[in-house]
C-alpha atoms as a PDB file:
ATOM      1  CA  MET A   1      -7.968 -14.634 -23.798  1.00  0.00           C
ATOM      2  CA  ARG A   2      -4.364 -15.040 -22.667  1.00  0.00           C
ATOM      3  CA  VAL A   3      -2.321 -12.501 -20.658  1.00  0.00           C
ATOM      4  CA  LEU A   4       1.431 -12.351 -20.045  1.00  0.00           C
ATOM      5  CA  VAL A   5       2.340 -11.178 -16.530  1.00  0.00           C
ATOM      6  CA  PRO A   6       6.143 -11.038 -16.087  1.00  0.00           C
ATOM      7  CA  ARG A   7       6.731 -11.041 -12.333  1.00  0.00           C
ATOM      8  CA  ALA A   8       9.167 -11.101  -9.460  1.00  0.00           C
ATOM      9  CA  ALA A   9      10.134 -14.426  -7.962  1.00  0.00           C
ATOM     10  CA  GLU A  10       8.866 -13.086  -4.627  1.00  0.00           C
ATOM     11  CA  GLY A  11       5.743 -11.569  -6.186  1.00  0.00           C
ATOM     12  CA  ARG A  12       2.325 -11.826  -4.624  1.00  0.00           C
ATOM     13  CA  ASP A  13      -0.486 -13.670  -6.361  1.00  0.00           C
ATOM     14  CA  GLU A  14      -3.435 -11.251  -6.082  1.00  0.00           C
ATOM     15  CA  LEU A  15      -3.295 -10.147  -9.716  1.00  0.00           C
ATOM     16  CA  LEU A  16      -2.890 -13.706 -10.971  1.00  0.00           C
ATOM     17  CA  ASP A  17      -5.717 -14.988  -8.778  1.00  0.00           C
ATOM     18  CA  GLY A  18      -8.015 -12.157  -9.876  1.00  0.00           C
ATOM     19  CA  LEU A  19      -7.377 -12.755 -13.561  1.00  0.00           C
ATOM     20  CA  ARG A  20      -7.803 -16.515 -13.197  1.00  0.00           C
ATOM     21  CA  ALA A  21     -11.121 -15.928 -11.379  1.00  0.00           C
ATOM     22  CA  LEU A  22     -12.241 -14.067 -14.516  1.00  0.00           C
ATOM     23  CA  GLY A  23     -11.325 -17.066 -16.659  1.00  0.00           C
ATOM     24  CA  VAL A  24      -8.198 -15.498 -18.133  1.00  0.00           C
ATOM     25  CA  ALA A  25      -5.413 -17.866 -19.206  1.00  0.00           C
ATOM     26  CA  LEU A  26      -2.071 -16.675 -17.835  1.00  0.00           C
ATOM     27  CA  ASP A  27       1.594 -16.949 -18.521  1.00  0.00           C
ATOM     28  CA  ALA A  28       3.403 -15.630 -15.445  1.00  0.00           C
ATOM     29  CA  PRO A  29       7.125 -16.229 -15.867  1.00  0.00           C
ATOM     30  CA  VAL A  30       9.595 -15.016 -13.257  1.00  0.00           C
ATOM     31  CA  ALA A  31      11.234 -11.993 -14.877  1.00  0.00           C
ATOM     32  CA  TYR A  32      13.440 -10.886 -11.983  1.00  0.00           C
ATOM     33  CA  ARG A  33      14.485 -11.579  -8.414  1.00  0.00           C
ATOM     34  CA  THR A  34      14.930  -9.043  -5.650  1.00  0.00           C
ATOM     35  CA  VAL A  35      18.434  -9.371  -4.255  1.00  0.00           C
ATOM     36  CA  ALA A  36      19.349  -7.305  -1.222  1.00  0.00           C
ATOM     37  CA  VAL A  37      22.754  -5.684  -0.999  1.00  0.00           C
ATOM     38  CA  SER A  38      24.894  -6.703   1.955  1.00  0.00           C
ATOM     39  CA  ALA A  39      24.129  -5.091   5.298  1.00  0.00           C
ATOM     40  CA  ASP A  40      27.634  -3.563   5.263  1.00  0.00           C
ATOM     41  CA  ARG A  41      27.040  -1.958   1.877  1.00  0.00           C
ATOM     42  CA  LEU A  42      23.665  -0.596   2.965  1.00  0.00           C
ATOM     43  CA  ARG A  43      25.138   0.886   6.169  1.00  0.00           C
ATOM     44  CA  ALA A  44      27.971   2.469   4.158  1.00  0.00           C
ATOM     45  CA  ALA A  45      25.478   4.201   1.837  1.00  0.00           C
ATOM     46  CA  ALA A  46      23.339   5.656   4.652  1.00  0.00           C
ATOM     47  CA  PRO A  47      24.124   8.519   7.030  1.00  0.00           C
ATOM     48  CA  ALA A  48      26.684   7.300   9.565  1.00  0.00           C
ATOM     49  CA  ASP A  49      24.459   7.800  12.614  1.00  0.00           C
ATOM     50  CA  LEU A  50      21.224   7.064  10.733  1.00  0.00           C
ATOM     51  CA  GLY A  51      20.035  10.417  12.061  1.00  0.00           C
ATOM     52  CA  VAL A  52      17.079  10.831   9.736  1.00  0.00           C
ATOM     53  CA  ALA A  53      13.587  12.145  10.464  1.00  0.00           C
ATOM     54  CA  ALA A  54      11.804   9.497   8.419  1.00  0.00           C
ATOM     55  CA  ILE A  55      12.395   6.255   6.584  1.00  0.00           C
ATOM     56  CA  ALA A  56      10.232   5.653   3.512  1.00  0.00           C
ATOM     57  CA  LEU A  57       9.673   1.988   2.721  1.00  0.00           C
ATOM     58  CA  CYS A  58       8.279   1.060  -0.686  1.00  0.00           C
ATOM     59  CA  SER A  59       8.505  -2.733  -0.471  1.00  0.00           C
ATOM     60  CA  PRO A  60       8.550  -5.548   2.042  1.00  0.00           C
ATOM     61  CA  SER A  61      12.061  -6.478   0.919  1.00  0.00           C
ATOM     62  CA  ALA A  62      13.276  -2.973   1.801  1.00  0.00           C
ATOM     63  CA  ALA A  63      11.994  -3.453   5.359  1.00  0.00           C
ATOM     64  CA  VAL A  64      13.741  -6.818   5.648  1.00  0.00           C
ATOM     65  CA  ALA A  65      17.005  -5.392   4.271  1.00  0.00           C
ATOM     66  CA  LEU A  66      16.962  -2.480   6.719  1.00  0.00           C
ATOM     67  CA  VAL A  67      16.413  -4.704   9.736  1.00  0.00           C
ATOM     68  CA  ALA A  68      19.293  -6.886   8.561  1.00  0.00           C
ATOM     69  CA  ALA A  69      21.544  -3.815   8.602  1.00  0.00           C
ATOM     70  CA  TRP A  70      20.361  -2.064  11.790  1.00  0.00           C
ATOM     71  CA  PRO A  71      18.506  -3.104  14.925  1.00  0.00           C
ATOM     72  CA  ALA A  72      14.821  -2.198  14.889  1.00  0.00           C
ATOM     73  CA  SER A  73      15.415  -0.026  17.960  1.00  0.00           C
ATOM     74  CA  THR A  74      17.769   2.181  15.913  1.00  0.00           C
ATOM     75  CA  LEU A  75      15.403   2.350  12.939  1.00  0.00           C
ATOM     76  CA  ASN A  76      12.434   3.154  15.156  1.00  0.00           C
ATOM     77  CA  ARG A  77      14.040   6.472  16.163  1.00  0.00           C
ATOM     78  CA  ALA A  78      12.840   7.684  12.754  1.00  0.00           C
ATOM     79  CA  ALA A  79       9.249   7.832  11.563  1.00  0.00           C
ATOM     80  CA  ILE A  80       8.681   4.681   9.505  1.00  0.00           C
ATOM     81  CA  VAL A  81       6.357   5.469   6.576  1.00  0.00           C
ATOM     82  CA  CYS A  82       5.213   2.775   4.158  1.00  0.00           C
ATOM     83  CA  LEU A  83       3.865   2.892   0.613  1.00  0.00           C
ATOM     84  CA  GLY A  84       1.178   0.278   1.252  1.00  0.00           C
ATOM     85  CA  GLU A  85      -0.326  -2.122   3.766  1.00  0.00           C
ATOM     86  CA  THR A  86       1.702  -5.110   2.536  1.00  0.00           C
ATOM     87  CA  THR A  87       4.929  -3.208   3.155  1.00  0.00           C
ATOM     88  CA  ALA A  88       3.610  -1.963   6.496  1.00  0.00           C
ATOM     89  CA  ALA A  89       2.781  -5.527   7.563  1.00  0.00           C
ATOM     90  CA  ALA A  90       6.300  -6.693   6.659  1.00  0.00           C
ATOM     91  CA  ALA A  91       7.803  -3.733   8.525  1.00  0.00           C
ATOM     92  CA  ARG A  92       5.740  -4.512  11.620  1.00  0.00           C
ATOM     93  CA  ALA A  93       6.664  -8.200  11.403  1.00  0.00           C
ATOM     94  CA  ALA A  94      10.326  -7.114  11.346  1.00  0.00           C
ATOM     95  CA  GLY A  95       9.826  -5.168  14.577  1.00  0.00           C
ATOM     96  CA  LEU A  96       9.413  -1.687  13.110  1.00  0.00           C
ATOM     97  CA  HIS A  97       6.887   0.817  14.441  1.00  0.00           C
ATOM     98  CA  VAL A  98       5.036   2.098  11.388  1.00  0.00           C
ATOM     99  CA  ARG A  99       3.946   5.697  11.917  1.00  0.00           C
ATOM    100  CA  ALA A 100       2.049   6.139   8.641  1.00  0.00           C
ATOM    101  CA  VAL A 101       0.933   4.335   5.509  1.00  0.00           C
ATOM    102  CA  ALA A 102       0.202   6.099   2.225  1.00  0.00           C
ATOM    103  CA  ALA A 103      -3.521   6.312   1.534  1.00  0.00           C
ATOM    104  CA  ARG A 104      -2.946   4.886  -1.968  1.00  0.00           C
ATOM    105  CA  THR A 105       0.099   3.296  -3.518  1.00  0.00           C
ATOM    106  CA  SER A 106       1.343   6.412  -5.284  1.00  0.00           C
ATOM    107  CA  MET A 107       4.436   8.500  -4.739  1.00  0.00           C
ATOM    108  CA  ALA A 108       2.289  11.595  -4.160  1.00  0.00           C
ATOM    109  CA  ASP A 109       0.446   9.800  -1.347  1.00  0.00           C
ATOM    110  CA  LEU A 110       3.718   8.556   0.135  1.00  0.00           C
ATOM    111  CA  VAL A 111       4.979  12.139   0.192  1.00  0.00           C
ATOM    112  CA  ALA A 112       1.750  13.215   1.906  1.00  0.00           C
ATOM    113  CA  ALA A 113       2.155  10.465   4.514  1.00  0.00           C
ATOM    114  CA  ILE A 114       5.724  11.576   5.225  1.00  0.00           C
ATOM    115  CA  GLN A 115       4.564  15.175   5.425  1.00  0.00           C
ATOM    116  CA  ALA A 116       1.916  14.151   7.971  1.00  0.00           C
ATOM    117  CA  VAL A 117       4.526  12.766  10.384  1.00  0.00           C
ATOM    118  CA  VAL A 118       7.484  15.102   9.872  1.00  0.00           C
ATOM    119  CA  ALA A 119       7.498  18.850   9.372  1.00  0.00           C
ATOM    120  CA  VAL A 120       8.640  19.315   5.764  1.00  0.00           C
ATOM    121  CA  PRO A 121       5.815  21.302   4.130  1.00  0.00           C
ATOM    122  CA  ALA A 122       7.822  23.105   1.436  1.00  0.00           C
ATOM    123  CA  LEU A 123       9.754  19.991   0.451  1.00  0.00           C
ATOM    124  CA  ALA A 124       6.638  17.838   0.460  1.00  0.00           C
ATOM    125  CA  ASP A 125       4.748  20.268  -1.774  1.00  0.00           C
ATOM    126  CA  THR A 126       7.650  20.348  -4.238  1.00  0.00           C
ATOM    127  CA  ILE A 127       7.987  16.556  -4.328  1.00  0.00           C
ATOM    128  CA  ALA A 128       4.222  16.039  -4.578  1.00  0.00           C
ATOM    129  CA  ALA A 129       4.040  18.459  -7.509  1.00  0.00           C
ATOM    130  CA  ALA A 130       6.917  16.668  -9.244  1.00  0.00           C
ATOM    131  CA  ALA A 131       5.287  13.284  -8.629  1.00  0.00           C
ATOM    132  CA  ALA A 132       1.977  14.574 -10.044  1.00  0.00           C
ATOM    133  CA  GLU A 133       3.769  15.769 -13.200  1.00  0.00           C
ATOM    134  CA  VAL A 134       5.399  12.369 -13.675  1.00  0.00           C
ATOM    135  CA  GLN A 135       2.037  10.604 -13.303  1.00  0.00           C
ATOM    136  CA  ALA A 136       0.317  12.964 -15.764  1.00  0.00           C
END
């Protein structure tokens, strides 16, 4: 059996390794590259004082891009919440203090993790319900 796995240039190999271990023949071409915007552009798109309660990180590259735009000490004023352990590890390596990690890599679990560290119950319930509808 042969499987096509289009992937990011920076992609991890767990899926490929797991399929190969099962004897699956793979084609894994690079389909895209993650390219960060400039630090200036990122700062211009965010609140001027970065006065936010939480920062949700969904990828290691997002953590790297943020630290390129702001010092970790500024970012750490907010609750850093990550979608998964790989992102959390990258955030920690970049000097960020991760306050929470989603239990599973789903948007509903990311919302729950944010809700656990900042007081936004009504918003979190609304977002979690919307995320559940999208996944259904």
